[in-house]
Amino acid sequence: MSSRTVYYLGPQGSFTHAASKQFLPRVQRASGETDSAAPSHDAASTVLQPAEHVSQIFEAVNVGGAFGVIAWENNVEGYVVPNLDGLIDAHNVVGCGRVSVNIEFDAFMLPDDVAEPTEVTAHPHGLAQCRTFTQHLGLREVPAASNAAACRDIISGQIALGPRICGELYGLATKQRGVQDYQGSRTDFLLLAPRNEARSLMVGDQKPSAEYESVVAFIPLSTGAGVLAGLLDLLRDAGLNMTSFISRPIKGHDGTYSFIATIDAAPWQSHFRSVLENIIERGDWVKTLAVYARQERPNPPVTSWMLPDGGAGGRDSLSADETATRLQAQFI
């Protein structure tokens, strides 16, 4: 059996590296490795391989023979949009597993660096999640390919933001721990596979009682009033629960969009399959981006304190005059 490679956004110590370790046993099982600690002479070990750029991960999976791990969604910053776009555009790549990694950032400097820090470096999502810390120090943001790369490549006068393990890996001094804006931050990661191998990686999930989520992209080939509503009606009439719905522009074509829905079903289940077939028969475009076992969902109520300022509605105990004032403000 040939060796299989799982690519992740490196270098070592990145949050994606941590996620790839969670996926490793699944890939090993699918590759026929029954004991990763003592592989047989005819079963080469699965290798975790860092990549400098996410595009390299997509390319390695797209040509076949490799797997990949990408950041997908953060509960503070939302979808990792470049990775979402990459999955929409990839020809032979599909997500077939999802795991969560708790996100905590420490601030690092070079040991014995006496220069006053003027810059902060991290992945753009990392910078966005630690803005209170960086603005308090008045630091200029320097985006990096990954948080671990920022720690590896740090220079004098910089602060690098990254996982705690990066301090040990790259011999850095810790300036401050836990500098993220929000406690409880979490990023979900997808395991990527060639489309013809995805089901084999999901064998452990395919139990009679298993519940699934699918991420599907739709592009209506006609535009006008009611086109999108008609698409959503098909999902509703089939009793499909949609937990997320976003749009992305079709690059370079004004007024055209792909719509990405997360749906509580798998495309091989009959009620969802029939909807997909119906949409295709109508002439619209469909692409399954990911399917994975559904994780436990807390479904908490949305309380008033979670709502942004300046809107109307909700369950605030307001006087009639205050309610009328807020409502009037919505009409600009």
Protein backbone atom coordinates (compact mmCIF):
# COMPACT_ATOMS: atom_id res chain seq x y z
CA MET A 1 0.00 0.00 0.00
CA SER A 2 1.38 3.39 -0.95
CA SER A 3 1.86 6.17 1.55
CA ARG A 4 -0.94 8.72 1.84
CA THR A 5 -0.34 12.37 2.61
CA VAL A 6 -2.57 14.79 4.51
CA TYR A 7 -1.69 18.41 3.72
CA TYR A 8 -2.39 21.21 6.17
CA LEU A 9 -1.58 24.92 6.29
CA GLY A 10 1.76 25.02 8.03
CA PRO A 11 4.19 25.29 9.48
CA GLN A 12 4.05 22.97 12.48
CA GLY A 13 2.07 24.34 15.39
CA SER A 14 -0.73 25.95 13.38
CA PHE A 15 -4.34 25.44 14.41
CA THR A 16 -4.78 23.53 11.13
CA HIS A 17 -1.94 21.22 12.21
CA ALA A 18 -3.87 20.48 15.42
CA ALA A 19 -7.01 19.73 13.38
CA SER A 20 -5.09 17.43 11.02
CA LYS A 21 -3.99 15.34 14.00
CA GLN A 22 -7.66 14.82 14.90
CA PHE A 23 -8.38 13.59 11.37
CA LEU A 24 -5.32 11.32 11.19
CA PRO A 25 -6.93 8.15 12.66
CA ARG A 26 -9.78 8.37 10.15
CA VAL A 27 -7.40 8.63 7.20
CA GLN A 28 -5.30 5.78 8.58
CA ARG A 29 -8.34 3.51 8.83
CA ALA A 30 -9.39 4.35 5.27
CA SER A 31 -5.83 3.65 4.10
CA GLY A 32 -5.73 0.25 5.78
CA GLU A 33 -3.50 1.17 8.71
CA THR A 34 -4.81 -0.72 11.72
CA ASP A 35 -2.10 0.40 14.13
CA SER A 36 -0.38 3.70 13.45
CA ALA A 37 2.21 3.01 16.14
CA ALA A 38 3.37 -0.20 14.47
CA PRO A 39 2.41 -0.24 10.77
CA SER A 40 2.87 -3.47 8.87
CA HIS A 41 5.68 -3.83 6.35
CA ASP A 42 3.25 -3.48 3.42
CA ALA A 43 1.29 -0.48 4.76
CA ALA A 44 3.17 2.79 4.67
CA SER A 45 2.28 5.33 7.32
CA THR A 46 0.08 8.30 6.54
CA VAL A 47 2.15 11.49 6.53
CA LEU A 48 1.08 14.92 7.76
CA GLN A 49 2.66 17.47 5.42
CA PRO A 50 2.65 21.26 5.92
CA ALA A 51 1.85 23.48 2.94
CA GLU A 52 2.82 27.12 2.56
CA HIS A 53 -0.48 28.13 0.95
CA VAL A 54 -4.02 26.75 0.97
CA SER A 55 -4.00 26.67 -2.84
CA GLN A 56 -1.33 23.96 -2.62
CA ILE A 57 -3.66 21.87 -0.45
CA PHE A 58 -6.49 22.10 -2.97
CA GLU A 59 -4.15 21.24 -5.84
CA ALA A 60 -2.73 18.18 -4.06
CA VAL A 61 -6.21 16.81 -3.35
CA ASN A 62 -7.56 17.78 -6.76
CA VAL A 63 -5.01 15.70 -8.67
CA GLY A 64 -5.76 12.68 -6.46
CA GLY A 65 -3.79 10.59 -4.02
CA ALA A 66 -3.73 13.12 -1.17
CA PHE A 67 -6.03 14.53 1.48
CA GLY A 68 -6.15 17.99 2.98
CA VAL A 69 -7.34 19.98 5.98
CA ILE A 70 -8.58 23.57 5.77
CA ALA A 71 -10.08 26.04 8.20
CA TRP A 72 -13.78 26.37 7.46
CA GLU A 73 -15.75 28.45 9.95
CA ASN A 74 -15.02 30.40 13.11
CA ASN A 75 -17.69 31.24 15.66
CA VAL A 76 -16.37 34.82 15.92
CA GLU A 77 -15.33 35.74 12.36
CA GLY A 78 -17.59 33.38 10.39
CA TYR A 79 -16.62 31.49 7.25
CA VAL A 80 -13.02 31.53 6.06
CA VAL A 81 -14.08 33.02 2.74
CA PRO A 82 -10.99 32.22 0.61
CA ASN A 83 -11.30 28.56 1.60
CA LEU A 84 -15.03 28.57 0.83
CA ASP A 85 -14.33 30.04 -2.60
CA GLY A 86 -11.57 27.50 -3.16
CA LEU A 87 -13.94 24.63 -2.45
CA ILE A 88 -16.59 26.05 -4.78
CA ASP A 89 -14.05 26.28 -7.61
CA ALA A 90 -12.19 22.99 -7.01
CA HIS A 91 -13.01 20.32 -9.59
CA ASN A 92 -12.39 17.09 -7.70
CA VAL A 93 -12.45 18.07 -4.01
CA VAL A 94 -15.12 17.57 -1.36
CA GLY A 95 -15.22 17.93 2.41
CA CYS A 96 -15.95 14.66 4.22
CA GLY A 97 -15.28 15.39 7.90
CA ARG A 98 -15.52 18.30 10.31
CA VAL A 99 -13.76 18.86 13.64
CA SER A 100 -13.52 21.77 16.04
CA VAL A 101 -10.42 23.31 17.62
CA ASN A 102 -10.61 25.72 20.53
CA ILE A 103 -8.85 28.95 19.60
CA GLU A 104 -6.67 30.78 22.09
CA PHE A 105 -3.96 33.23 21.11
CA ASP A 106 -0.79 34.02 22.99
CA ALA A 107 1.39 37.00 22.10
CA PHE A 108 5.06 36.19 21.45
CA MET A 109 8.28 38.14 20.89
CA LEU A 110 11.82 37.14 20.11
CA PRO A 111 13.72 36.28 23.30
CA ASP A 112 15.84 39.18 24.57
CA ASP A 113 14.25 41.56 22.02
CA VAL A 114 14.66 45.03 23.54
CA ALA A 115 13.01 46.88 20.64
CA GLU A 116 9.67 48.51 21.36
CA PRO A 117 7.08 46.49 19.41
CA THR A 118 5.49 48.42 16.55
CA GLU A 119 3.93 45.58 14.52
CA VAL A 120 1.76 42.56 15.13
CA THR A 121 1.70 39.61 12.75
CA ALA A 122 -0.75 36.71 12.37
CA HIS A 123 -3.20 35.19 9.91
CA PRO A 124 -5.91 37.75 9.00
CA HIS A 125 -8.48 35.85 11.07
CA GLY A 126 -6.06 35.83 14.00
CA LEU A 127 -5.53 39.57 13.69
CA ALA A 128 -9.29 40.11 13.63
CA GLN A 129 -9.78 38.02 16.77
CA CYS A 130 -7.17 39.90 18.82
CA ARG A 131 -7.88 43.49 17.79
CA THR A 132 -8.49 44.84 21.29
CA PHE A 133 -5.01 43.76 22.34
CA THR A 134 -3.28 45.13 19.24
CA GLN A 135 -5.14 48.44 19.22
CA HIS A 136 -4.36 48.99 22.89
CA LEU A 137 -0.65 48.76 22.02
CA GLY A 138 -1.04 50.77 18.81
CA LEU A 139 0.50 48.05 16.65
CA ARG A 140 0.46 47.97 12.85
CA GLU A 141 -1.01 44.73 11.49
CA VAL A 142 1.14 42.53 9.24
CA PRO A 143 -0.87 39.61 7.76
CA ALA A 144 0.84 36.22 7.55
CA ALA A 145 -0.02 33.01 5.69
CA SER A 146 -0.80 31.33 9.03
CA ASN A 147 -0.44 32.06 12.72
CA ALA A 148 2.35 29.50 13.03
CA ALA A 149 4.15 31.07 10.05
CA ALA A 150 3.93 34.43 11.82
CA CYS A 151 5.61 32.91 14.88
CA ARG A 152 8.26 31.16 12.80
CA ASP A 153 9.12 34.29 10.79
CA ILE A 154 8.87 36.92 13.54
CA ILE A 155 11.46 39.72 13.47
CA SER A 156 12.67 42.24 16.02
CA GLY A 157 10.03 44.80 16.92
CA GLN A 158 7.16 42.46 16.13
CA ILE A 159 4.62 40.61 18.22
CA ALA A 160 3.38 37.34 16.74
CA LEU A 161 0.00 35.86 17.67
CA GLY A 162 -0.43 32.12 17.68
CA PRO A 163 -1.22 28.91 19.57
CA ARG A 164 0.63 28.35 22.83
CA ILE A 165 2.65 25.49 21.34
CA CYS A 166 4.33 27.94 18.92
CA GLY A 167 6.27 29.52 21.76
CA GLU A 168 7.93 26.21 22.48
CA LEU A 169 8.35 25.18 18.84
CA TYR A 170 10.03 28.40 17.75
CA GLY A 171 11.84 29.38 20.93
CA LEU A 172 9.83 32.56 21.57
CA ALA A 173 9.21 34.59 24.69
CA THR A 174 5.61 34.93 25.81
CA LYS A 175 4.56 38.55 26.21
CA GLN A 176 0.96 37.81 27.21
CA ARG A 177 -1.34 34.81 27.26
CA GLY A 178 -4.92 34.63 26.04
CA VAL A 179 -5.07 37.88 24.06
CA GLN A 180 -8.13 36.95 21.97
CA ASP A 181 -11.11 39.31 22.17
CA TYR A 182 -13.63 36.57 22.96
CA GLN A 183 -13.40 33.58 25.25
CA GLY A 184 -14.86 30.39 23.82
CA SER A 185 -13.66 31.05 20.28
CA ARG A 186 -13.68 27.94 18.13
CA THR A 187 -12.75 27.16 14.53
CA ASP A 188 -14.14 24.23 12.58
CA PHE A 189 -11.96 22.48 10.00
CA LEU A 190 -12.85 20.29 7.03
CA LEU A 191 -11.12 17.14 5.88
CA LEU A 192 -10.80 17.28 2.08
CA ALA A 193 -10.68 14.23 -0.17
CA PRO A 194 -10.96 13.41 -3.87
CA ARG A 195 -14.67 13.07 -4.58
CA ASN A 196 -14.45 9.35 -5.38
CA GLU A 197 -12.83 8.62 -1.99
CA ALA A 198 -15.02 10.69 0.31
CA ARG A 199 -17.49 7.93 1.20
CA SER A 200 -14.69 5.58 2.30
CA LEU A 201 -13.53 8.21 4.79
CA MET A 202 -17.05 8.46 6.20
CA VAL A 203 -17.54 4.74 6.87
CA GLY A 204 -17.28 5.22 10.62
CA ASP A 205 -20.03 7.84 10.48
CA GLN A 206 -22.50 5.87 8.37
CA LYS A 207 -24.61 4.26 11.06
CA PRO A 208 -28.38 3.78 10.82
CA SER A 209 -28.94 6.48 13.46
CA ALA A 210 -26.36 8.89 12.04
CA GLU A 211 -27.40 12.41 11.19
CA TYR A 212 -25.58 14.49 8.61
CA GLU A 213 -24.98 18.00 7.41
CA SER A 214 -24.30 18.87 3.80
CA VAL A 215 -22.89 22.10 2.40
CA VAL A 216 -24.27 22.64 -1.09
CA ALA A 217 -23.72 25.44 -3.60
CA PHE A 218 -26.57 26.47 -5.90
CA ILE A 219 -26.42 28.81 -8.90
CA PRO A 220 -29.77 29.69 -10.50
CA LEU A 221 -29.19 30.11 -14.23
CA SER A 222 -31.97 32.68 -14.50
CA THR A 223 -32.33 35.91 -12.57
CA GLY A 224 -35.32 37.95 -11.52
CA ALA A 225 -37.93 38.29 -8.82
CA GLY A 226 -38.78 35.05 -7.04
CA VAL A 227 -35.97 32.90 -8.46
CA LEU A 228 -34.24 32.45 -5.13
CA ALA A 229 -37.54 32.09 -3.28
CA GLY A 230 -38.50 29.27 -5.64
CA LEU A 231 -35.27 27.45 -4.86
CA LEU A 232 -35.81 27.79 -1.12
CA ASP A 233 -39.40 26.61 -1.48
CA LEU A 234 -38.14 23.28 -2.80
CA LEU A 235 -36.02 22.78 0.32
CA ARG A 236 -38.86 23.80 2.62
CA ASP A 237 -41.46 21.60 0.90
CA ALA A 238 -39.18 18.58 1.32
CA GLY A 239 -38.95 19.24 5.06
CA LEU A 240 -35.23 20.00 4.90
CA ASN A 241 -33.83 22.11 7.71
CA MET A 242 -31.36 24.78 6.58
CA THR A 243 -29.00 26.11 9.25
CA SER A 244 -26.91 28.51 7.16
CA PHE A 245 -27.40 30.40 3.90
CA ILE A 246 -24.90 32.80 2.36
CA SER A 247 -24.01 34.14 -1.07
CA ARG A 248 -20.73 34.59 -2.90
CA PRO A 249 -20.23 36.59 -6.09
CA ILE A 250 -19.33 34.76 -9.26
CA LYS A 251 -16.01 36.45 -9.75
CA GLY A 252 -15.88 39.10 -12.45
CA HIS A 253 -19.59 38.90 -13.32
CA ASP A 254 -21.65 41.68 -11.76
CA GLY A 255 -25.01 40.69 -10.33
CA THR A 256 -24.40 36.93 -10.39
CA TYR A 257 -24.02 34.83 -7.26
CA SER A 258 -23.62 31.34 -5.94
CA PHE A 259 -25.73 30.52 -2.88
CA ILE A 260 -24.30 28.20 -0.26
CA ALA A 261 -26.64 26.35 2.08
CA THR A 262 -25.90 24.07 5.03
CA ILE A 263 -28.67 21.48 5.25
CA ASP A 264 -29.49 18.78 7.78
CA ALA A 265 -29.32 15.80 5.41
CA ALA A 266 -26.91 13.82 3.25
CA PRO A 267 -27.26 13.85 -0.55
CA TRP A 268 -27.67 10.06 -0.70
CA GLN A 269 -30.76 10.24 1.53
CA SER A 270 -33.87 9.96 -0.63
CA HIS A 271 -35.69 13.15 0.41
CA PHE A 272 -32.61 15.30 -0.23
CA ARG A 273 -31.55 13.43 -3.35
CA SER A 274 -34.94 14.05 -4.97
CA VAL A 275 -34.66 17.78 -4.28
CA LEU A 276 -31.22 17.93 -5.86
CA GLU A 277 -32.49 16.04 -8.90
CA ASN A 278 -35.44 18.44 -9.17
CA ILE A 279 -33.18 21.49 -9.04
CA ILE A 280 -30.92 20.05 -11.75
CA GLU A 281 -33.93 19.19 -13.94
CA ARG A 282 -35.04 22.83 -13.65
CA GLY A 283 -31.76 23.79 -15.26
CA ASP A 284 -30.01 25.22 -12.20
CA TRP A 285 -26.46 24.32 -11.12
CA VAL A 286 -25.71 22.27 -7.99
CA LYS A 287 -22.46 21.23 -6.33
CA THR A 288 -22.05 19.33 -3.06
CA LEU A 289 -19.13 20.96 -1.25
CA ALA A 290 -19.07 18.87 1.94
CA VAL A 291 -20.91 16.12 3.81
CA TYR A 292 -20.10 15.12 7.37
CA ALA A 293 -21.65 13.67 10.49
CA ARG A 294 -23.66 16.34 12.26
CA GLN A 295 -22.13 17.55 15.46
CA GLU A 296 -24.07 18.19 18.62
CA ARG A 297 -25.88 21.48 18.24
CA PRO A 298 -26.65 23.56 21.35
CA ASN A 299 -29.52 25.60 19.79
CA PRO A 300 -29.55 28.28 22.50
CA PRO A 301 -32.17 31.03 22.46
CA VAL A 302 -31.08 34.40 21.08
CA THR A 303 -31.37 36.76 24.01
CA SER A 304 -31.65 40.52 23.75
CA TRP A 305 -28.08 41.14 24.86
CA MET A 306 -26.79 39.25 21.81
CA LEU A 307 -28.52 41.59 19.36
CA PRO A 308 -26.53 44.42 17.75
CA ASP A 309 -27.39 47.98 18.66
CA GLY A 310 -29.61 50.13 16.48
CA GLY A 311 -32.19 47.59 15.35
CA ALA A 312 -35.88 47.12 16.11
CA GLY A 313 -37.77 44.15 17.49
CA GLY A 314 -36.63 41.48 19.88
CA ARG A 315 -38.01 41.12 23.37
CA ASP A 316 -36.73 44.24 25.08
CA SER A 317 -39.07 45.74 27.65
CA LEU A 318 -39.46 49.10 25.94
CA SER A 319 -42.10 51.75 26.25
CA ALA A 320 -44.43 52.32 23.31
CA ASP A 321 -42.60 55.55 22.48
CA GLU A 322 -39.18 53.86 22.51
CA THR A 323 -40.47 51.05 20.30
CA ALA A 324 -41.96 53.54 17.84
CA THR A 325 -38.69 55.50 17.72
CA ARG A 326 -36.64 52.38 16.96
CA LEU A 327 -39.09 51.26 14.30
CA GLN A 328 -39.11 54.66 12.61
CA ALA A 329 -35.30 54.58 12.42
CA GLN A 330 -35.48 51.51 10.18
CA PHE A 331 -37.24 53.45 7.44
CA ILE A 332 -34.20 55.75 7.00
